[in-house]
C-alpha atoms as a PDB file:
ATOM      1  CA  UNK A   1    -142.810 -53.876 -32.074  1.00  0.00           C
ATOM      2  CA  UNK A   2    -139.158 -54.889 -32.254  1.00  0.00           C
ATOM      3  CA  UNK A   3    -137.825 -56.709 -35.273  1.00  0.00           C
ATOM      4  CA  UNK A   4    -137.987 -60.491 -34.815  1.00  0.00           C
ATOM      5  CA  UNK A   5    -134.737 -61.990 -33.530  1.00  0.00           C
ATOM      6  CA  UNK A   6    -133.641 -65.608 -33.654  1.00  0.00           C
ATOM      7  CA  UNK A   7    -133.561 -67.272 -30.235  1.00  0.00           C
ATOM      8  CA  UNK A   8    -133.427 -70.703 -28.648  1.00  0.00           C
ATOM      9  CA  UNK A   9    -136.827 -71.350 -27.040  1.00  0.00           C
ATOM     10  CA  UNK A  10    -137.017 -73.358 -23.813  1.00  0.00           C
ATOM     11  CA  UNK A  11    -140.316 -74.256 -22.119  1.00  0.00           C
ATOM     12  CA  UNK A  12    -141.046 -76.038 -18.825  1.00  0.00           C
ATOM     13  CA  UNK A  13    -144.564 -77.038 -17.722  1.00  0.00           C
ATOM     14  CA  UNK A  14    -145.730 -78.698 -14.485  1.00  0.00           C
ATOM     15  CA  UNK A  15    -147.914 -81.776 -14.890  1.00  0.00           C
ATOM     16  CA  UNK A  16    -151.334 -81.671 -13.180  1.00  0.00           C
ATOM     17  CA  UNK A  17    -150.743 -78.204 -11.756  1.00  0.00           C
ATOM     18  CA  UNK A  18    -154.438 -77.313 -11.815  1.00  0.00           C
ATOM     19  CA  UNK A  19    -155.333 -80.265  -9.598  1.00  0.00           C
ATOM     20  CA  UNK A  20    -153.255 -78.880  -6.670  1.00  0.00           C
ATOM     21  CA  UNK A  21    -154.480 -76.484  -4.015  1.00  0.00           C
ATOM     22  CA  UNK A  22    -153.082 -72.968  -3.637  1.00  0.00           C
ATOM     23  CA  UNK A  23    -150.442 -73.927  -1.059  1.00  0.00           C
ATOM     24  CA  UNK A  24    -149.157 -76.793  -3.216  1.00  0.00           C
ATOM     25  CA  UNK A  25    -149.134 -74.601  -6.317  1.00  0.00           C
ATOM     26  CA  UNK A  26    -147.061 -71.930  -4.596  1.00  0.00           C
ATOM     27  CA  UNK A  27    -144.614 -74.581  -3.400  1.00  0.00           C
ATOM     28  CA  UNK A  28    -144.349 -76.195  -6.838  1.00  0.00           C
ATOM     29  CA  UNK A  29    -143.628 -72.833  -8.446  1.00  0.00           C
ATOM     30  CA  UNK A  30    -140.667 -72.324  -6.108  1.00  0.00           C
ATOM     31  CA  UNK A  31    -139.368 -75.806  -6.913  1.00  0.00           C
ATOM     32  CA  UNK A  32    -139.814 -75.144 -10.636  1.00  0.00           C
ATOM     33  CA  UNK A  33    -137.739 -71.974 -10.479  1.00  0.00           C
ATOM     34  CA  UNK A  34    -135.009 -73.779  -8.526  1.00  0.00           C
ATOM     35  CA  UNK A  35    -134.840 -76.518 -11.166  1.00  0.00           C
ATOM     36  CA  UNK A  36    -134.930 -74.092 -14.102  1.00  0.00           C
ATOM     37  CA  UNK A  37    -132.259 -71.834 -12.590  1.00  0.00           C
ATOM     38  CA  UNK A  38    -129.989 -74.814 -11.848  1.00  0.00           C
ATOM     39  CA  UNK A  39    -130.415 -76.093 -15.417  1.00  0.00           C
ATOM     40  CA  UNK A  40    -129.652 -72.720 -16.997  1.00  0.00           C
ATOM     41  CA  UNK A  41    -126.656 -72.189 -14.720  1.00  0.00           C
ATOM     42  CA  UNK A  42    -125.249 -75.580 -15.765  1.00  0.00           C
ATOM     43  CA  UNK A  43    -125.586 -74.504 -19.410  1.00  0.00           C
ATOM     44  CA  UNK A  44    -123.914 -71.110 -18.704  1.00  0.00           C
ATOM     45  CA  UNK A  45    -127.138 -69.198 -19.375  1.00  0.00           C
ATOM     46  CA  UNK A  46    -127.186 -66.080 -17.212  1.00  0.00           C
ATOM     47  CA  UNK A  47    -129.632 -63.172 -17.000  1.00  0.00           C
ATOM     48  CA  UNK A  48    -127.686 -61.271 -19.652  1.00  0.00           C
ATOM     49  CA  UNK A  49    -128.361 -63.955 -22.259  1.00  0.00           C
ATOM     50  CA  UNK A  50    -132.041 -64.704 -21.693  1.00  0.00           C
ATOM     51  CA  UNK A  51    -135.534 -63.321 -21.446  1.00  0.00           C
ATOM     52  CA  UNK A  52    -137.907 -65.161 -19.138  1.00  0.00           C
ATOM     53  CA  UNK A  53    -141.694 -65.224 -18.760  1.00  0.00           C
ATOM     54  CA  UNK A  54    -143.731 -66.705 -15.925  1.00  0.00           C
ATOM     55  CA  UNK A  55    -146.985 -68.382 -16.814  1.00  0.00           C
ATOM     56  CA  UNK A  56    -148.015 -69.783 -13.446  1.00  0.00           C
ATOM     57  CA  UNK A  57    -147.555 -73.481 -14.135  1.00  0.00           C
ATOM     58  CA  UNK A  58    -144.901 -72.822 -16.771  1.00  0.00           C
ATOM     59  CA  UNK A  59    -141.649 -70.976 -17.294  1.00  0.00           C
ATOM     60  CA  UNK A  60    -140.538 -69.867 -20.736  1.00  0.00           C
ATOM     61  CA  UNK A  61    -137.094 -68.641 -21.741  1.00  0.00           C
ATOM     62  CA  UNK A  62    -135.759 -67.029 -24.891  1.00  0.00           C
ATOM     63  CA  UNK A  63    -132.020 -67.682 -24.961  1.00  0.00           C
ATOM     64  CA  UNK A  64    -129.417 -65.772 -26.932  1.00  0.00           C
ATOM     65  CA  UNK A  65    -127.781 -67.611 -29.811  1.00  0.00           C
ATOM     66  CA  UNK A  66    -124.340 -67.158 -28.249  1.00  0.00           C
ATOM     67  CA  UNK A  67    -125.295 -69.877 -25.739  1.00  0.00           C
ATOM     68  CA  UNK A  68    -124.233 -73.363 -26.838  1.00  0.00           C
ATOM     69  CA  UNK A  69    -127.267 -75.439 -27.788  1.00  0.00           C
ATOM     70  CA  UNK A  70    -125.403 -78.770 -27.376  1.00  0.00           C
ATOM     71  CA  UNK A  71    -124.483 -77.713 -23.834  1.00  0.00           C
ATOM     72  CA  UNK A  72    -128.100 -76.795 -23.164  1.00  0.00           C
ATOM     73  CA  UNK A  73    -129.368 -80.147 -24.474  1.00  0.00           C
ATOM     74  CA  UNK A  74    -126.859 -81.983 -22.285  1.00  0.00           C
ATOM     75  CA  UNK A  75    -127.970 -79.969 -19.222  1.00  0.00           C
ATOM     76  CA  UNK A  76    -131.612 -80.824 -19.919  1.00  0.00           C
ATOM     77  CA  UNK A  77    -130.743 -84.526 -20.134  1.00  0.00           C
ATOM     78  CA  UNK A  78    -128.584 -84.627 -17.005  1.00  0.00           C
ATOM     79  CA  UNK A  79    -128.895 -81.604 -14.704  1.00  0.00           C
ATOM     80  CA  UNK A  80    -132.672 -81.172 -14.949  1.00  0.00           C
ATOM     81  CA  UNK A  81    -133.585 -84.778 -13.997  1.00  0.00           C
ATOM     82  CA  UNK A  82    -130.957 -84.803 -11.246  1.00  0.00           C
ATOM     83  CA  UNK A  83    -132.112 -81.555  -9.614  1.00  0.00           C
ATOM     84  CA  UNK A  84    -135.770 -82.526  -9.963  1.00  0.00           C
ATOM     85  CA  UNK A  85    -135.113 -85.917  -8.380  1.00  0.00           C
ATOM     86  CA  UNK A  86    -133.243 -84.315  -5.486  1.00  0.00           C
ATOM     87  CA  UNK A  87    -136.184 -81.987  -4.857  1.00  0.00           C
ATOM     88  CA  UNK A  88    -138.838 -84.697  -5.108  1.00  0.00           C
ATOM     89  CA  UNK A  89    -137.070 -87.175  -2.842  1.00  0.00           C
ATOM     90  CA  UNK A  90    -137.409 -84.747   0.073  1.00  0.00           C
ATOM     91  CA  UNK A  91    -141.144 -84.116  -0.219  1.00  0.00           C
ATOM     92  CA  UNK A  92    -144.296 -86.197   0.045  1.00  0.00           C
ATOM     93  CA  UNK A  93    -145.297 -88.116  -3.056  1.00  0.00           C
ATOM     94  CA  UNK A  94    -148.561 -86.159  -3.299  1.00  0.00           C
ATOM     95  CA  UNK A  95    -146.607 -82.896  -3.609  1.00  0.00           C
ATOM     96  CA  UNK A  96    -143.933 -84.061  -6.025  1.00  0.00           C
ATOM     97  CA  UNK A  97    -143.475 -82.337  -9.363  1.00  0.00           C
ATOM     98  CA  UNK A  98    -143.125 -83.761 -12.862  1.00  0.00           C
ATOM     99  CA  UNK A  99    -142.219 -81.688 -15.904  1.00  0.00           C
ATOM    100  CA  UNK A 100    -142.788 -81.586 -19.643  1.00  0.00           C
ATOM    101  CA  UNK A 101    -139.907 -79.791 -21.374  1.00  0.00           C
ATOM    102  CA  UNK A 102    -139.591 -78.494 -24.944  1.00  0.00           C
ATOM    103  CA  UNK A 103    -136.482 -77.119 -26.635  1.00  0.00           C
ATOM    104  CA  UNK A 104    -137.029 -75.333 -29.925  1.00  0.00           C
ATOM    105  CA  UNK A 105    -135.812 -72.274 -31.821  1.00  0.00           C
ATOM    106  CA  UNK A 106    -137.062 -69.537 -34.085  1.00  0.00           C
ATOM    107  CA  UNK A 107    -137.838 -65.881 -34.571  1.00  0.00           C
ATOM    108  CA  UNK A 108    -139.621 -63.951 -31.824  1.00  0.00           C
ATOM    109  CA  UNK A 109    -140.506 -60.246 -31.608  1.00  0.00           C
ATOM    110  CA  UNK A 110    -141.395 -58.155 -28.560  1.00  0.00           C
ATOM    111  CA  UNK A 111    -144.303 -55.757 -28.979  1.00  0.00           C
ATOM    112  CA  UNK A 112    -145.082 -52.428 -27.319  1.00  0.00           C
ATOM    113  CA  UNK A 113    -146.786 -54.242 -24.412  1.00  0.00           C
ATOM    114  CA  UNK A 114    -143.640 -56.270 -23.695  1.00  0.00           C
ATOM    115  CA  UNK A 115    -145.387 -59.308 -25.133  1.00  0.00           C
ATOM    116  CA  UNK A 116    -143.636 -62.060 -27.074  1.00  0.00           C
ATOM    117  CA  UNK A 117    -145.013 -62.592 -30.578  1.00  0.00           C
ATOM    118  CA  UNK A 118    -144.099 -65.230 -33.120  1.00  0.00           C
ATOM    119  CA  UNK A 119    -145.372 -68.338 -34.897  1.00  0.00           C
ATOM    120  CA  UNK A 120    -142.168 -70.183 -33.955  1.00  0.00           C
ATOM    121  CA  UNK A 121    -142.944 -69.595 -30.277  1.00  0.00           C
ATOM    122  CA  UNK A 122    -146.507 -70.662 -30.909  1.00  0.00           C
ATOM    123  CA  UNK A 123    -145.205 -73.873 -32.472  1.00  0.00           C
ATOM    124  CA  UNK A 124    -143.096 -74.619 -29.368  1.00  0.00           C
ATOM    125  CA  UNK A 125    -146.141 -74.093 -27.129  1.00  0.00           C
ATOM    126  CA  UNK A 126    -148.123 -76.543 -29.237  1.00  0.00           C
ATOM    127  CA  UNK A 127    -145.390 -79.143 -28.771  1.00  0.00           C
ATOM    128  CA  UNK A 128    -145.457 -78.552 -25.015  1.00  0.00           C
ATOM    129  CA  UNK A 129    -149.193 -79.219 -24.883  1.00  0.00           C
ATOM    130  CA  UNK A 130    -149.226 -82.095 -27.382  1.00  0.00           C
ATOM    131  CA  UNK A 131    -150.726 -85.446 -26.400  1.00  0.00           C
ATOM    132  CA  UNK A 132    -147.590 -87.496 -27.250  1.00  0.00           C
ATOM    133  CA  UNK A 133    -145.579 -85.498 -24.728  1.00  0.00           C
ATOM    134  CA  UNK A 134    -148.284 -85.701 -22.050  1.00  0.00           C
ATOM    135  CA  UNK A 135    -148.733 -89.427 -22.638  1.00  0.00           C
ATOM    136  CA  UNK A 136    -144.996 -90.082 -22.482  1.00  0.00           C
ATOM    137  CA  UNK A 137    -144.723 -88.434 -19.079  1.00  0.00           C
ATOM    138  CA  UNK A 138    -147.685 -90.451 -17.777  1.00  0.00           C
ATOM    139  CA  UNK A 139    -146.088 -93.736 -18.862  1.00  0.00           C
ATOM    140  CA  UNK A 140    -142.621 -93.111 -17.484  1.00  0.00           C
ATOM    141  CA  UNK A 141    -141.257 -93.588 -14.016  1.00  0.00           C
ATOM    142  CA  UNK A 142    -138.969 -90.552 -14.283  1.00  0.00           C
ATOM    143  CA  UNK A 143    -139.905 -87.036 -13.253  1.00  0.00           C
ATOM    144  CA  UNK A 144    -139.543 -85.314 -16.630  1.00  0.00           C
ATOM    145  CA  UNK A 145    -139.712 -85.803 -20.372  1.00  0.00           C
ATOM    146  CA  UNK A 146    -137.872 -83.802 -23.047  1.00  0.00           C
ATOM    147  CA  UNK A 147    -139.064 -83.049 -26.566  1.00  0.00           C
ATOM    148  CA  UNK A 148    -136.946 -81.176 -29.121  1.00  0.00           C
ATOM    149  CA  UNK A 149    -138.139 -79.614 -32.344  1.00  0.00           C
ATOM    150  CA  UNK A 150    -137.165 -81.076 -35.692  1.00  0.00           C
ATOM    151  CA  UNK A 151    -134.806 -78.128 -36.219  1.00  0.00           C
ATOM    152  CA  UNK A 152    -132.968 -78.754 -32.941  1.00  0.00           C
ATOM    153  CA  UNK A 153    -132.727 -82.460 -33.686  1.00  0.00           C
ATOM    154  CA  UNK A 154    -131.436 -82.037 -37.245  1.00  0.00           C
ATOM    155  CA  UNK A 155    -129.091 -79.181 -36.389  1.00  0.00           C
ATOM    156  CA  UNK A 156    -127.684 -80.480 -33.093  1.00  0.00           C
ATOM    157  CA  UNK A 157    -128.890 -83.783 -31.661  1.00  0.00           C
ATOM    158  CA  UNK A 158    -128.433 -86.054 -34.685  1.00  0.00           C
ATOM    159  CA  UNK A 159    -124.736 -85.130 -34.861  1.00  0.00           C
ATOM    160  CA  UNK A 160    -124.166 -86.653 -31.416  1.00  0.00           C
ATOM    161  CA  UNK A 161    -122.363 -83.860 -29.546  1.00  0.00           C
ATOM    162  CA  UNK A 162    -120.543 -84.891 -26.370  1.00  0.00           C
ATOM    163  CA  UNK A 163    -123.040 -86.140 -23.797  1.00  0.00           C
ATOM    164  CA  UNK A 164    -125.952 -86.414 -26.262  1.00  0.00           C
ATOM    165  CA  UNK A 165    -126.954 -89.751 -27.835  1.00  0.00           C
ATOM    166  CA  UNK A 166    -129.177 -89.273 -30.921  1.00  0.00           C
ATOM    167  CA  UNK A 167    -130.285 -92.919 -30.730  1.00  0.00           C
ATOM    168  CA  UNK A 168    -132.010 -92.099 -27.437  1.00  0.00           C
ATOM    169  CA  UNK A 169    -134.495 -89.874 -29.305  1.00  0.00           C
ATOM    170  CA  UNK A 170    -137.346 -91.067 -31.469  1.00  0.00           C
ATOM    171  CA  UNK A 171    -139.471 -89.281 -34.035  1.00  0.00           C
ATOM    172  CA  UNK A 172    -143.047 -88.349 -33.182  1.00  0.00           C
ATOM    173  CA  UNK A 173    -145.876 -86.739 -35.106  1.00  0.00           C
ATOM    174  CA  UNK A 174    -147.765 -83.903 -33.444  1.00  0.00           C
ATOM    175  CA  UNK A 175    -151.122 -82.701 -34.751  1.00  0.00           C
ATOM    176  CA  UNK A 176    -151.483 -78.925 -34.555  1.00  0.00           C
ATOM    177  CA  UNK A 177    -153.944 -76.351 -35.861  1.00  0.00           C
ATOM    178  CA  UNK A 178    -151.500 -75.729 -38.697  1.00  0.00           C
ATOM    179  CA  UNK A 179    -151.303 -79.432 -39.561  1.00  0.00           C
ATOM    180  CA  UNK A 180    -149.054 -82.355 -38.556  1.00  0.00           C
ATOM    181  CA  UNK A 181    -145.495 -81.557 -37.557  1.00  0.00           C
ATOM    182  CA  UNK A 182    -142.419 -83.579 -36.619  1.00  0.00           C
ATOM    183  CA  UNK A 183    -140.628 -83.483 -33.271  1.00  0.00           C
ATOM    184  CA  UNK A 184    -138.242 -85.779 -31.397  1.00  0.00           C
ATOM    185  CA  UNK A 185    -138.924 -87.288 -28.003  1.00  0.00           C
ATOM    186  CA  UNK A 186    -136.195 -88.475 -25.644  1.00  0.00           C
ATOM    187  CA  UNK A 187    -136.643 -91.999 -24.319  1.00  0.00           C
ATOM    188  CA  UNK A 188    -137.954 -95.314 -25.529  1.00  0.00           C
ATOM    189  CA  UNK A 189    -140.785 -95.207 -28.088  1.00  0.00           C
ATOM    190  CA  UNK A 190    -144.129 -96.887 -27.714  1.00  0.00           C
ATOM    191  CA  UNK A 191    -144.374-100.571 -28.572  1.00  0.00           C
ATOM    192  CA  UNK A 192    -144.839-101.201 -32.286  1.00  0.00           C
ATOM    193  CA  UNK A 193    -148.492-102.229 -31.957  1.00  0.00           C
ATOM    194  CA  UNK A 194    -149.612 -99.285 -29.815  1.00  0.00           C
ATOM    195  CA  UNK A 195    -151.886 -96.528 -31.238  1.00  0.00           C
ATOM    196  CA  UNK A 196    -149.306 -93.878 -30.393  1.00  0.00           C
ATOM    197  CA  UNK A 197    -146.584 -95.711 -32.291  1.00  0.00           C
ATOM    198  CA  UNK A 198    -148.861 -96.038 -35.309  1.00  0.00           C
ATOM    199  CA  UNK A 199    -149.523 -92.309 -35.229  1.00  0.00           C
ATOM    200  CA  UNK A 200    -145.814 -91.537 -34.959  1.00  0.00           C
ATOM    201  CA  UNK A 201    -145.098 -93.665 -38.013  1.00  0.00           C
ATOM    202  CA  UNK A 202    -147.600 -91.714 -40.139  1.00  0.00           C
ATOM    203  CA  UNK A 203    -146.131 -89.770 -43.024  1.00  0.00           C
ATOM    204  CA  UNK A 204    -145.797 -86.005 -42.479  1.00  0.00           C
ATOM    205  CA  UNK A 205    -144.057 -83.231 -44.424  1.00  0.00           C
ATOM    206  CA  UNK A 206    -140.291 -83.146 -43.868  1.00  0.00           C
ATOM    207  CA  UNK A 207    -140.222 -79.409 -43.288  1.00  0.00           C
ATOM    208  CA  UNK A 208    -143.341 -78.469 -41.353  1.00  0.00           C
ATOM    209  CA  UNK A 209    -143.693 -74.786 -40.668  1.00  0.00           C
ATOM    210  CA  UNK A 210    -146.162 -73.253 -38.248  1.00  0.00           C
ATOM    211  CA  UNK A 211    -148.172 -70.461 -39.807  1.00  0.00           C
ATOM    212  CA  UNK A 212    -150.045 -67.689 -38.048  1.00  0.00           C
ATOM    213  CA  UNK A 213    -151.573 -67.929 -34.596  1.00  0.00           C
ATOM    214  CA  UNK A 214    -148.795 -65.814 -33.095  1.00  0.00           C
ATOM    215  CA  UNK A 215    -148.259 -66.230 -29.379  1.00  0.00           C
ATOM    216  CA  UNK A 216    -148.361 -63.181 -27.139  1.00  0.00           C
ATOM    217  CA  UNK A 217    -146.870 -63.311 -23.652  1.00  0.00           C
ATOM    218  CA  UNK A 218    -146.520 -60.596 -21.045  1.00  0.00           C
ATOM    219  CA  UNK A 219    -144.467 -60.792 -17.878  1.00  0.00           C
ATOM    220  CA  UNK A 220    -141.240 -59.820 -16.185  1.00  0.00           C
ATOM    221  CA  UNK A 221    -138.481 -59.896 -18.745  1.00  0.00           C
ATOM    222  CA  UNK A 222    -134.782 -60.113 -18.159  1.00  0.00           C
ATOM    223  CA  UNK A 223    -132.865 -58.527 -20.995  1.00  0.00           C
ATOM    224  CA  UNK A 224    -129.346 -58.634 -22.285  1.00  0.00           C
ATOM    225  CA  UNK A 225    -128.381 -55.670 -20.161  1.00  0.00           C
ATOM    226  CA  UNK A 226    -129.620 -57.505 -17.062  1.00  0.00           C
ATOM    227  CA  UNK A 227    -132.434 -55.012 -16.429  1.00  0.00           C
ATOM    228  CA  UNK A 228    -135.981 -55.977 -15.542  1.00  0.00           C
ATOM    229  CA  UNK A 229    -139.103 -54.703 -17.301  1.00  0.00           C
ATOM    230  CA  UNK A 230    -142.293 -55.348 -15.359  1.00  0.00           C
ATOM    231  CA  UNK A 231    -145.620 -55.901 -17.028  1.00  0.00           C
ATOM    232  CA  UNK A 232    -148.950 -57.509 -16.288  1.00  0.00           C
ATOM    233  CA  UNK A 233    -148.577 -61.260 -16.478  1.00  0.00           C
ATOM    234  CA  UNK A 234    -151.249 -62.018 -19.057  1.00  0.00           C
ATOM    235  CA  UNK A 235    -151.060 -64.589 -21.784  1.00  0.00           C
ATOM    236  CA  UNK A 236    -153.399 -64.990 -24.719  1.00  0.00           C
ATOM    237  CA  UNK A 237    -152.297 -68.173 -26.453  1.00  0.00           C
ATOM    238  CA  UNK A 238    -154.631 -71.156 -26.436  1.00  0.00           C
ATOM    239  CA  UNK A 239    -154.250 -73.865 -23.848  1.00  0.00           C
ATOM    240  CA  UNK A 240    -155.579 -77.378 -24.230  1.00  0.00           C
ATOM    241  CA  UNK A 241    -157.578 -78.828 -21.365  1.00  0.00           C
ATOM    242  CA  UNK A 242    -155.682 -80.541 -18.568  1.00  0.00           C
ATOM    243  CA  UNK A 243    -155.542 -84.305 -18.721  1.00  0.00           C
ATOM    244  CA  UNK A 244    -157.409 -86.403 -16.197  1.00  0.00           C
ATOM    245  CA  UNK A 245    -155.544 -87.266 -12.999  1.00  0.00           C
ATOM    246  CA  UNK A 246    -152.573 -89.506 -13.849  1.00  0.00           C
ATOM    247  CA  UNK A 247    -153.099 -93.078 -12.676  1.00  0.00           C
END
């Protein structure tokens, strides 16, 4: 196993992917890659500065620290929704794609099976699958929703870099196997009397830290030298069940 290295962690997941047939799933995967590639290009993230894993309904990227995180946040807030909207407006409503997106950071190692291992990655996956993020996407008219980790918010977003408005994010509480943790969701919060808002207001530790439950991901990986290492695309982290069909 390689020594853990610090990376920016970016995750995209397609809503209700499992409810589509094989033809729709194949189409949505192509659209997802187009949107992800356009977003990364806008943030000046090329194949030399990222590793990428394909998970079927998700794409995960480990991004080198030399890439500007403020630029990446801005691209996720502007380029991603724009490209996704342009794709969706040309296809039938039943085949349109909506995305949950998480931006986090932490230490990740690569083992002898070309798998990604690390509790920080595991923490990002838990945010991606958390109910507050799923519920936010269901409620909104837009095609995507962005959640950033507490570390990304405190280190980047709250300082208001050009093109990023910290007041457009609100604090949420996410229950995980390791206990409650804090994250920040872009967009308007729930109304004050809603159950979700009450949960978000609950007190949680200021510095939550995921422990154990390392995530292990195999797949094609694109390294800093631009080469490709092929492996079986198997993933052994825990998934939560898909939500019921969005109404």
